[in-house]
C-alpha atoms as a PDB file:
ATOM      1  CA  MET A   1       2.804  78.401  83.039  1.00  0.00           C
ATOM      2  CA  LEU A   2       5.255  77.234  80.548  1.00  0.00           C
ATOM      3  CA  ASP A   3       3.726  75.735  77.084  1.00  0.00           C
ATOM      4  CA  ARG A   4       5.968  72.929  76.329  1.00  0.00           C
ATOM      5  CA  SER A   5       3.764  71.261  73.868  1.00  0.00           C
ATOM      6  CA  SER A   6       4.715  73.350  70.825  1.00  0.00           C
ATOM      7  CA  THR A   7       8.187  73.990  69.325  1.00  0.00           C
ATOM      8  CA  ARG A   8       6.913  76.387  66.784  1.00  0.00           C
ATOM      9  CA  PHE A   9       8.433  79.832  67.525  1.00  0.00           C
ATOM     10  CA  ALA A  10      10.336  78.202  70.472  1.00  0.00           C
ATOM     11  CA  SER A  11      13.353  79.128  72.482  1.00  0.00           C
ATOM     12  CA  THR A  12      15.325  78.046  75.487  1.00  0.00           C
ATOM     13  CA  PHE A  13      16.588  80.285  78.297  1.00  0.00           C
ATOM     14  CA  GLN A  14      19.644  79.841  80.839  1.00  0.00           C
ATOM     15  CA  VAL A  15      20.971  81.831  83.467  1.00  0.00           C
ATOM     16  CA  VAL A  16      24.597  81.067  83.726  1.00  0.00           C
ATOM     17  CA  GLY A  17      26.802  82.133  86.572  1.00  0.00           C
ATOM     18  CA  ASP A  18      30.673  81.509  86.463  1.00  0.00           C
ATOM     19  CA  GLY A  19      30.172  79.016  83.700  1.00  0.00           C
ATOM     20  CA  LYS A  20      27.493  77.116  85.663  1.00  0.00           C
ATOM     21  CA  VAL A  21      24.019  76.569  84.523  1.00  0.00           C
ATOM     22  CA  LEU A  22      21.886  78.091  87.383  1.00  0.00           C
ATOM     23  CA  PHE A  23      18.449  78.047  85.620  1.00  0.00           C
ATOM     24  CA  ASP A  24      17.504  76.222  82.453  1.00  0.00           C
ATOM     25  CA  SER A  25      13.944  76.679  81.024  1.00  0.00           C
ATOM     26  CA  GLY A  26      14.073  73.642  78.357  1.00  0.00           C
ATOM     27  CA  VAL A  27      11.970  74.532  75.474  1.00  0.00           C
ATOM     28  CA  VAL A  28       9.358  77.289  75.907  1.00  0.00           C
ATOM     29  CA  ASP A  29       6.662  78.843  73.471  1.00  0.00           C
ATOM     30  CA  ARG A  30       6.870  82.655  72.808  1.00  0.00           C
ATOM     31  CA  PHE A  31       3.524  83.197  74.545  1.00  0.00           C
ATOM     32  CA  ALA A  32       4.586  81.697  77.929  1.00  0.00           C
ATOM     33  CA  PRO A  33       6.532  84.346  79.789  1.00  0.00           C
ATOM     34  CA  GLU A  34       8.070  83.130  83.029  1.00  0.00           C
ATOM     35  CA  GLN A  35       9.761  84.910  86.066  1.00  0.00           C
ATOM     36  CA  VAL A  36      13.032  83.203  86.963  1.00  0.00           C
ATOM     37  CA  ASP A  37      14.694  83.376  90.379  1.00  0.00           C
ATOM     38  CA  ALA A  38      18.270  82.063  90.576  1.00  0.00           C
ATOM     39  CA  ASP A  39      20.695  82.168  93.503  1.00  0.00           C
ATOM     40  CA  LEU A  40      23.368  84.613  92.312  1.00  0.00           C
ATOM     41  CA  ALA A  41      25.467  84.400  95.693  1.00  0.00           C
ATOM     42  CA  GLY A  42      29.446  84.656  94.948  1.00  0.00           C
ATOM     43  CA  VAL A  43      28.764  84.835  91.190  1.00  0.00           C
ATOM     44  CA  ARG A  44      31.311  87.068  89.492  1.00  0.00           C
ATOM     45  CA  VAL A  45      30.343  86.599  85.675  1.00  0.00           C
ATOM     46  CA  LEU A  46      26.648  86.129  84.801  1.00  0.00           C
ATOM     47  CA  ASP A  47      25.216  85.555  81.297  1.00  0.00           C
ATOM     48  CA  LEU A  48      21.661  85.318  80.145  1.00  0.00           C
ATOM     49  CA  VAL A  49      21.611  82.897  77.284  1.00  0.00           C
ATOM     50  CA  GLY A  50      18.609  82.743  74.682  1.00  0.00           C
ATOM     51  CA  GLY A  51      19.054  79.769  72.253  1.00  0.00           C
ATOM     52  CA  ASP A  52      17.092  78.024  69.617  1.00  0.00           C
ATOM     53  CA  GLY A  53      14.330  75.847  70.728  1.00  0.00           C
ATOM     54  CA  GLY A  54      15.045  73.062  68.193  1.00  0.00           C
ATOM     55  CA  ASP A  55      12.749  74.414  65.334  1.00  0.00           C
ATOM     56  CA  GLY A  56      15.416  76.380  63.640  1.00  0.00           C
ATOM     57  CA  GLY A  57      15.997  80.136  64.321  1.00  0.00           C
ATOM     58  CA  TYR A  58      13.369  81.561  62.255  1.00  0.00           C
ATOM     59  CA  ASN A  59      11.262  84.041  64.415  1.00  0.00           C
ATOM     60  CA  ASP A  60      12.412  82.861  67.634  1.00  0.00           C
ATOM     61  CA  ARG A  61      12.550  85.276  70.556  1.00  0.00           C
ATOM     62  CA  ALA A  62      14.901  85.456  73.365  1.00  0.00           C
ATOM     63  CA  GLU A  63      14.169  88.522  75.396  1.00  0.00           C
ATOM     64  CA  CYS A  64      14.807  89.254  79.031  1.00  0.00           C
ATOM     65  CA  ALA A  65      12.451  92.017  80.139  1.00  0.00           C
ATOM     66  CA  ALA A  66      13.803  94.404  82.797  1.00  0.00           C
ATOM     67  CA  PRO A  67      16.291  91.887  84.560  1.00  0.00           C
ATOM     68  CA  THR A  68      17.513  92.781  87.867  1.00  0.00           C
ATOM     69  CA  ALA A  69      20.003  91.418  90.488  1.00  0.00           C
ATOM     70  CA  SER A  70      20.134  92.176  94.107  1.00  0.00           C
ATOM     71  CA  CYS A  71      22.458  90.942  96.978  1.00  0.00           C
END
């Protein structure tokens, strides 16, 4: 479950394939881990992008724990 009520220590996460956003978390709290599934069929270049949640960069975290891809 995502906690979208707070922007303190917040980040955003995106999965981008060949320049197209395949997943966008919106603003998430650091205490709200989420499993992400995205269709990677045909993707040649994959980017996992962490961004500032709109509260400044202080103490933000953007970590991808054990990312895996399968085809």
